[in-house]
Amino acid sequence: MSPSDALAPLLATLELPPDVRRGLADPAAQARAAAARDAAEPERAARNRRTAAALQEAARTGYGRAAYALALRALSGRGRPLDAEAAAQHLRAAALERVIEAQVLLGYLLTRDDLLASPDTVEAHAWLALAEADAGAPVAAAHQRLSAQLEPPGHVDSHALAQKLDRLVTATATLPATGPYGVALTDQLAQAAAEGNAGSVAQVLARGADIDGTDVAGRTAMINAAWRGRADTVQTLAELGADFNIADAEGRTPLMWAASNGHADATRLLLEAGARPGSRDERRLTALMRAAWNGHGDVVALLLAAGADASDTAPDGATPRDLAQRGGHPDVVRLLTRAGG
């Protein structure tokens, strides 16, 4: 068993985007697919560049989550050529900031001699030793399997390196803001998200704001961005790990807000990130029902393509088609009729 085979089960424990998994499985094919998609969708490619710039600026200030997001981009070819060497550099920066997923993924990547010019099983073993305390049994098992691949001198070197890395992590990792300063940062984050300033969002997060912190209405930065259709900010927040299925005090998720207000780009990004189209709010309405009611045909089409159920009913028994009829939207009625609603 090769070192990378020994660590392959680790990938199942990480919430990696599909394009990253494809990049690790078949880098050449994923690189071609990503380049073709950017060429075919110039607006998406432009948004990717803007998001990358915001992430790079935040990573330069020591925000580990931004460095981790950049690593995932480098492994997927999203908005840039697929580059495992660059990914390893970003992962090291994130790992030093105590981003556990980065420590685990870096441990795996360092065993891939088909992706890196200088794979390093000893360094991989050391990073997994650090991650094991926080990540639990799956990483412990992988660490043990990799141990079987090392000769005695390798164990000695790995132990010494793990101690050095632990000291570096302790010295480097920043702590999130708490108390009144943390609350102030949450307010700043909400405002930046509402304004659609992805760069400011990343900067406030780098200063320690809680990415899923809420205002008095229970709304997070992601909800504020989706509500107003700030697609760049939605993408930046999603890549930094924001919860895109979280609900506010009314039970509305970011997808519901984006769909209800007819923001097709934000809706598409949320669906691609994994937002659940079938969730219901406090009034027992879905994103599809609200989009249909308000006559947003392009959003309705996106939701249907993502698996939203056109036959779902509201508490009064109305289907999305019925709600579109009540709202006076004949084009949406026809669309939902064709979908079986």
Protein backbone atom coordinates (compact mmCIF):
# COMPACT_ATOMS: atom_id res chain seq x y z
CA MET A 1 0.00 0.00 0.00
CA SER A 2 1.39 3.39 -0.99
CA PRO A 3 1.31 6.34 1.45
CA SER A 4 -1.41 8.06 -0.59
CA ASP A 5 -3.51 4.89 -0.61
CA ALA A 6 -3.10 4.66 3.15
CA LEU A 7 -4.53 8.17 3.52
CA ALA A 8 -7.19 8.01 0.79
CA PRO A 9 -10.02 7.29 3.31
CA LEU A 10 -9.28 10.69 4.87
CA LEU A 11 -10.88 12.42 1.88
CA ALA A 12 -14.28 11.05 2.89
CA THR A 13 -14.02 12.92 6.22
CA LEU A 14 -13.50 16.29 4.52
CA GLU A 15 -16.32 18.40 3.08
CA LEU A 16 -14.60 19.04 -0.24
CA PRO A 17 -16.40 20.62 -3.21
CA PRO A 18 -17.03 18.23 -6.10
CA ASP A 19 -14.57 20.05 -8.37
CA VAL A 20 -11.81 19.59 -5.77
CA ARG A 21 -12.54 15.86 -5.55
CA ARG A 22 -12.38 15.66 -9.34
CA GLY A 23 -9.13 17.60 -9.31
CA LEU A 24 -7.57 15.12 -6.89
CA ALA A 25 -8.90 12.11 -8.81
CA ASP A 26 -8.06 13.25 -12.35
CA PRO A 27 -6.18 16.57 -12.38
CA ALA A 28 -5.78 16.77 -16.16
CA ALA A 29 -9.47 16.20 -16.89
CA GLN A 30 -10.57 18.67 -14.19
CA ALA A 31 -8.13 21.31 -15.44
CA ARG A 32 -9.61 21.01 -18.95
CA ALA A 33 -13.17 21.13 -17.64
CA ALA A 34 -12.50 24.19 -15.48
CA ALA A 35 -10.80 26.05 -18.35
CA ALA A 36 -13.67 25.23 -20.70
CA ARG A 37 -16.23 26.43 -18.19
CA ASP A 38 -14.42 29.72 -17.62
CA ALA A 39 -14.22 30.25 -21.38
CA ALA A 40 -17.92 29.51 -21.83
CA GLU A 41 -19.08 31.64 -18.87
CA PRO A 42 -17.06 34.87 -18.81
CA GLU A 43 -19.14 36.44 -16.02
CA ARG A 44 -18.50 33.43 -13.81
CA ALA A 45 -14.79 33.66 -14.64
CA ALA A 46 -14.78 37.36 -13.77
CA ARG A 47 -16.52 36.68 -10.45
CA ASN A 48 -13.97 33.98 -9.72
CA ARG A 49 -11.17 36.49 -10.23
CA ARG A 50 -12.83 39.03 -7.95
CA THR A 51 -13.39 36.41 -5.26
CA ALA A 52 -9.79 35.24 -5.54
CA ALA A 53 -8.55 38.80 -5.05
CA ALA A 54 -10.63 39.18 -1.87
CA LEU A 55 -9.38 35.85 -0.54
CA GLN A 56 -5.75 36.67 -1.33
CA GLU A 57 -5.95 39.97 0.52
CA ALA A 58 -7.46 38.29 3.58
CA ALA A 59 -4.92 35.47 3.46
CA ARG A 60 -2.09 38.02 3.49
CA THR A 61 -3.36 39.26 6.86
CA GLY A 62 -3.14 35.75 8.31
CA TYR A 63 -6.74 34.60 7.90
CA GLY A 64 -6.38 30.83 7.74
CA ARG A 65 -9.81 30.19 6.24
CA ALA A 66 -8.93 32.39 3.28
CA ALA A 67 -5.71 30.46 2.71
CA TYR A 68 -7.68 27.20 2.86
CA ALA A 69 -10.20 28.51 0.33
CA LEU A 70 -7.34 29.48 -2.00
CA ALA A 71 -5.92 25.96 -1.67
CA LEU A 72 -9.24 24.45 -2.72
CA ARG A 73 -9.34 26.78 -5.70
CA ALA A 74 -5.84 25.72 -6.72
CA LEU A 75 -6.86 22.05 -6.54
CA SER A 76 -10.00 22.58 -8.62
CA GLY A 77 -8.71 24.91 -11.31
CA ARG A 78 -11.51 27.32 -10.37
CA GLY A 79 -10.64 30.70 -11.83
CA ARG A 80 -6.97 29.74 -12.31
CA PRO A 81 -4.85 26.86 -13.63
CA LEU A 82 -4.96 23.76 -11.44
CA ASP A 83 -1.78 23.87 -9.34
CA ALA A 84 -1.12 21.36 -6.54
CA GLU A 85 2.16 23.05 -5.59
CA ALA A 86 0.33 26.34 -4.93
CA ALA A 87 -2.33 24.41 -3.04
CA ALA A 88 0.32 22.94 -0.74
CA GLN A 89 1.66 26.43 0.01
CA HIS A 90 -1.80 27.75 0.86
CA LEU A 91 -2.52 24.67 2.98
CA ARG A 92 0.65 25.21 5.00
CA ALA A 93 -0.41 28.80 5.72
CA ALA A 94 -3.89 27.65 6.77
CA ALA A 95 -2.52 24.74 8.80
CA LEU A 96 -0.32 27.11 10.79
CA GLU A 97 -3.48 29.08 11.60
CA ARG A 98 -4.95 25.91 13.14
CA VAL A 99 -7.40 25.18 10.33
CA ILE A 100 -7.76 21.46 11.03
CA GLU A 101 -9.13 20.61 7.58
CA ALA A 102 -6.02 22.19 6.09
CA GLN A 103 -3.74 20.09 8.28
CA VAL A 104 -5.58 16.93 7.23
CA LEU A 105 -5.73 17.77 3.51
CA LEU A 106 -2.08 18.83 3.52
CA GLY A 107 -1.15 15.53 5.13
CA TYR A 108 -2.87 13.72 2.28
CA LEU A 109 -1.55 15.96 -0.50
CA LEU A 110 2.05 15.56 0.66
CA THR A 111 1.84 11.84 -0.15
CA ARG A 112 0.77 12.41 -3.78
CA ASP A 113 3.92 11.93 -5.83
CA ASP A 114 1.84 12.34 -9.00
CA LEU A 115 0.83 15.88 -8.00
CA LEU A 116 3.86 17.28 -6.19
CA ALA A 117 7.44 17.48 -7.38
CA SER A 118 8.70 16.81 -3.85
CA PRO A 119 6.19 14.78 -1.82
CA ASP A 120 7.13 14.39 1.83
CA THR A 121 5.74 11.50 3.85
CA VAL A 122 7.57 12.64 6.99
CA GLU A 123 5.94 16.10 6.86
CA ALA A 124 2.57 14.48 6.08
CA HIS A 125 2.95 12.28 9.16
CA ALA A 126 3.81 15.33 11.30
CA TRP A 127 0.78 17.33 10.19
CA LEU A 128 -1.54 14.41 10.88
CA ALA A 129 -0.02 14.09 14.34
CA LEU A 130 -1.06 17.69 15.02
CA ALA A 131 -4.53 17.25 13.51
CA GLU A 132 -5.20 14.01 15.37
CA ALA A 133 -5.89 15.70 18.72
CA ASP A 134 -8.72 17.81 17.27
CA ALA A 135 -9.97 15.66 14.40
CA GLY A 136 -10.44 12.38 16.26
CA ALA A 137 -10.65 8.75 15.22
CA PRO A 138 -10.56 8.94 11.39
CA VAL A 139 -7.34 10.97 11.41
CA ALA A 140 -5.87 8.80 14.16
CA ALA A 141 -6.50 5.71 12.05
CA ALA A 142 -4.94 7.33 8.97
CA HIS A 143 -1.98 8.49 11.04
CA GLN A 144 -1.46 4.93 12.21
CA ARG A 145 -1.63 3.56 8.65
CA LEU A 146 0.92 6.10 7.50
CA SER A 147 3.15 5.22 10.46
CA ALA A 148 3.44 1.73 9.04
CA GLN A 149 4.95 3.26 5.89
CA LEU A 150 7.80 4.98 7.75
CA GLU A 151 11.17 3.53 8.64
CA PRO A 152 12.46 4.19 12.21
CA PRO A 153 14.50 7.27 11.17
CA GLY A 154 11.36 8.67 9.58
CA HIS A 155 9.49 8.35 12.87
CA VAL A 156 12.24 10.26 14.66
CA ASP A 157 12.23 13.03 12.05
CA SER A 158 8.43 13.22 12.05
CA HIS A 159 8.25 13.51 15.83
CA ALA A 160 10.81 16.32 15.84
CA LEU A 161 8.99 18.13 13.01
CA ALA A 162 5.61 17.75 14.73
CA GLN A 163 7.01 19.41 17.85
CA LYS A 164 8.40 22.26 15.75
CA LEU A 165 5.11 22.70 13.89
CA ASP A 166 3.18 22.67 17.16
CA ARG A 167 5.31 25.54 18.44
CA LEU A 168 4.79 27.43 15.18
CA VAL A 169 1.03 26.91 15.31
CA THR A 170 0.92 28.15 18.90
CA ALA A 171 2.92 31.23 17.94
CA THR A 172 1.11 31.93 14.67
CA ALA A 173 -2.56 31.09 15.15
CA THR A 174 -4.78 34.06 15.90
CA LEU A 175 -7.77 34.00 18.23
CA PRO A 176 -11.25 35.22 17.26
CA ALA A 177 -12.52 38.41 18.80
CA THR A 178 -14.94 38.00 21.71
CA GLY A 179 -16.99 40.25 23.96
CA PRO A 180 -18.09 43.72 22.79
CA TYR A 181 -15.39 43.84 20.10
CA GLY A 182 -16.67 40.59 18.66
CA VAL A 183 -20.21 41.98 18.56
CA ALA A 184 -18.96 45.11 16.78
CA LEU A 185 -17.23 42.95 14.19
CA THR A 186 -20.45 41.00 13.60
CA ASP A 187 -22.24 44.28 12.87
CA GLN A 188 -19.46 45.34 10.50
CA LEU A 189 -19.63 41.98 8.75
CA ALA A 190 -23.40 42.25 8.30
CA GLN A 191 -23.04 45.73 6.81
CA ALA A 192 -20.24 44.71 4.44
CA ALA A 193 -22.26 41.71 3.27
CA ALA A 194 -25.38 43.80 2.71
CA GLU A 195 -23.35 46.30 0.68
CA GLY A 196 -21.84 43.50 -1.39
CA ASN A 197 -18.26 44.39 -0.54
CA ALA A 198 -16.61 40.98 -0.69
CA GLY A 199 -13.18 42.42 0.07
CA SER A 200 -14.42 44.10 3.26
CA VAL A 201 -16.22 40.90 4.25
CA ALA A 202 -12.98 38.94 4.01
CA GLN A 203 -11.08 41.62 5.93
CA VAL A 204 -13.59 41.73 8.80
CA LEU A 205 -13.49 37.95 9.00
CA ALA A 206 -9.69 38.11 9.10
CA ARG A 207 -10.00 40.34 12.17
CA GLY A 208 -11.97 37.65 13.98
CA ALA A 209 -15.65 38.13 13.16
CA ASP A 210 -17.89 35.06 13.48
CA ILE A 211 -18.79 34.12 9.91
CA ASP A 212 -22.20 32.84 11.09
CA GLY A 213 -22.81 35.55 13.68
CA THR A 214 -26.37 36.93 13.67
CA ASP A 215 -28.10 40.26 14.10
CA VAL A 216 -31.26 40.80 16.17
CA ALA A 217 -33.38 39.26 13.38
CA GLY A 218 -31.21 36.16 13.35
CA ARG A 219 -29.68 37.08 9.99
CA THR A 220 -26.12 36.15 9.13
CA ALA A 221 -23.80 37.77 6.63
CA MET A 222 -24.76 35.08 4.12
CA ILE A 223 -28.46 35.86 4.55
CA ASN A 224 -27.82 39.59 4.17
CA ALA A 225 -25.81 39.01 1.00
CA ALA A 226 -28.34 36.60 -0.52
CA TRP A 227 -31.29 38.85 0.37
CA ARG A 228 -29.77 41.66 -1.67
CA GLY A 229 -28.38 39.49 -4.45
CA ARG A 230 -24.72 40.22 -3.75
CA ALA A 231 -23.39 37.31 -5.78
CA ASP A 232 -19.67 38.05 -5.26
CA THR A 233 -20.17 38.16 -1.50
CA VAL A 234 -22.28 35.00 -1.51
CA GLN A 235 -19.48 33.18 -3.33
CA THR A 236 -16.78 34.56 -1.01
CA LEU A 237 -18.72 33.59 2.11
CA ALA A 238 -19.48 30.12 0.75
CA GLU A 239 -15.82 29.49 -0.02
CA LEU A 240 -14.85 30.67 3.47
CA GLY A 241 -17.18 28.14 5.05
CA ALA A 242 -20.33 30.10 5.86
CA ASP A 243 -23.46 28.08 6.61
CA PHE A 244 -25.64 28.44 3.50
CA ASN A 245 -28.59 26.51 5.00
CA ILE A 246 -28.88 28.53 8.20
CA ALA A 247 -32.30 30.11 8.85
CA ASP A 248 -33.20 33.47 10.37
CA ALA A 249 -35.88 34.20 12.98
CA GLU A 250 -38.56 33.77 10.28
CA GLY A 251 -37.14 30.43 9.21
CA ARG A 252 -35.87 31.81 5.91
CA THR A 253 -32.60 30.51 4.53
CA PRO A 254 -30.24 32.42 2.22
CA LEU A 255 -31.70 30.49 -0.72
CA MET A 256 -35.24 31.53 0.22
CA TRP A 257 -34.24 35.20 0.37
CA ALA A 258 -32.37 35.08 -2.94
CA ALA A 259 -35.21 33.22 -4.66
CA SER A 260 -37.97 35.39 -3.21
CA ASN A 261 -36.25 38.55 -4.44
CA GLY A 262 -35.42 37.17 -7.88
CA HIS A 263 -31.63 37.10 -7.56
CA ALA A 264 -30.77 34.41 -10.10
CA ASP A 265 -26.97 34.59 -9.77
CA ALA A 266 -27.07 34.31 -5.99
CA THR A 267 -29.60 31.49 -6.26
CA ARG A 268 -27.37 29.59 -8.69
CA LEU A 269 -24.32 29.99 -6.45
CA LEU A 270 -26.19 28.80 -3.37
CA LEU A 271 -27.56 25.77 -5.17
CA GLU A 272 -24.10 24.91 -6.49
CA ALA A 273 -22.73 25.21 -2.95
CA GLY A 274 -25.31 22.71 -1.71
CA ALA A 275 -28.22 24.79 -0.43
CA ARG A 276 -31.35 22.69 0.13
CA PRO A 277 -34.21 23.77 -2.18
CA GLY A 278 -36.90 21.94 -0.20
CA SER A 279 -36.51 23.73 3.15
CA ARG A 280 -39.58 25.50 4.55
CA ASP A 281 -39.81 28.72 6.52
CA GLU A 282 -42.06 29.55 9.50
CA ARG A 283 -45.00 30.01 7.12
CA ARG A 284 -44.26 26.56 5.64
CA LEU A 285 -43.31 28.04 2.26
CA THR A 286 -40.36 26.88 0.14
CA ALA A 287 -37.98 28.88 -2.03
CA LEU A 288 -39.85 27.66 -5.11
CA MET A 289 -43.20 28.82 -3.73
CA ARG A 290 -41.86 32.29 -2.98
CA ALA A 291 -40.13 32.63 -6.35
CA ALA A 292 -43.29 31.50 -8.17
CA TRP A 293 -45.51 33.83 -6.16
CA ASN A 294 -43.27 36.78 -7.08
CA GLY A 295 -42.98 35.78 -10.74
CA HIS A 296 -39.26 35.10 -10.94
CA GLY A 297 -39.23 32.63 -13.83
CA ASP A 298 -35.43 32.37 -14.15
CA VAL A 299 -35.15 31.52 -10.45
CA VAL A 300 -38.01 29.03 -10.70
CA ALA A 301 -36.18 27.28 -13.55
CA LEU A 302 -32.98 27.07 -11.47
CA LEU A 303 -34.83 25.61 -8.50
CA LEU A 304 -36.64 23.03 -10.61
CA ALA A 305 -33.36 21.98 -12.23
CA ALA A 306 -31.91 21.54 -8.72
CA GLY A 307 -34.70 19.18 -7.72
CA ALA A 308 -37.28 21.47 -6.11
CA ASP A 309 -40.70 19.74 -6.04
CA ALA A 310 -43.29 21.51 -8.18
CA SER A 311 -46.07 19.54 -6.44
CA ASP A 312 -45.26 20.71 -2.90
CA THR A 313 -48.18 22.47 -1.23
CA ALA A 314 -48.48 25.44 1.10
CA PRO A 315 -50.57 25.17 4.29
CA ASP A 316 -53.68 26.23 2.32
CA GLY A 317 -53.05 23.50 -0.26
CA ALA A 318 -51.67 25.81 -2.95
CA THR A 319 -48.91 24.51 -5.20
CA PRO A 320 -46.19 26.77 -6.62
CA ARG A 321 -48.25 26.87 -9.83
CA ASP A 322 -51.29 28.08 -7.89
CA LEU A 323 -49.22 30.79 -6.23
CA ALA A 324 -47.88 31.94 -9.61
CA GLN A 325 -51.47 32.06 -10.85
CA ARG A 326 -52.52 34.20 -7.90
CA GLY A 327 -49.59 36.53 -8.50
CA GLY A 328 -50.54 37.01 -12.14
CA HIS A 329 -47.48 35.42 -13.71
CA PRO A 330 -48.65 33.36 -16.74
CA ASP A 331 -45.11 32.55 -17.96
CA VAL A 332 -44.26 31.03 -14.58
CA VAL A 333 -47.57 29.15 -14.55
CA ARG A 334 -46.69 27.56 -17.89
CA LEU A 335 -43.19 26.70 -16.68
CA LEU A 336 -44.53 24.98 -13.56
CA THR A 337 -47.26 23.21 -15.56
CA ARG A 338 -44.59 21.67 -17.78
CA ALA A 339 -42.75 20.60 -14.62
CA GLY A 340 -45.81 18.73 -13.36
CA GLY A 341 -47.04 21.30 -10.88
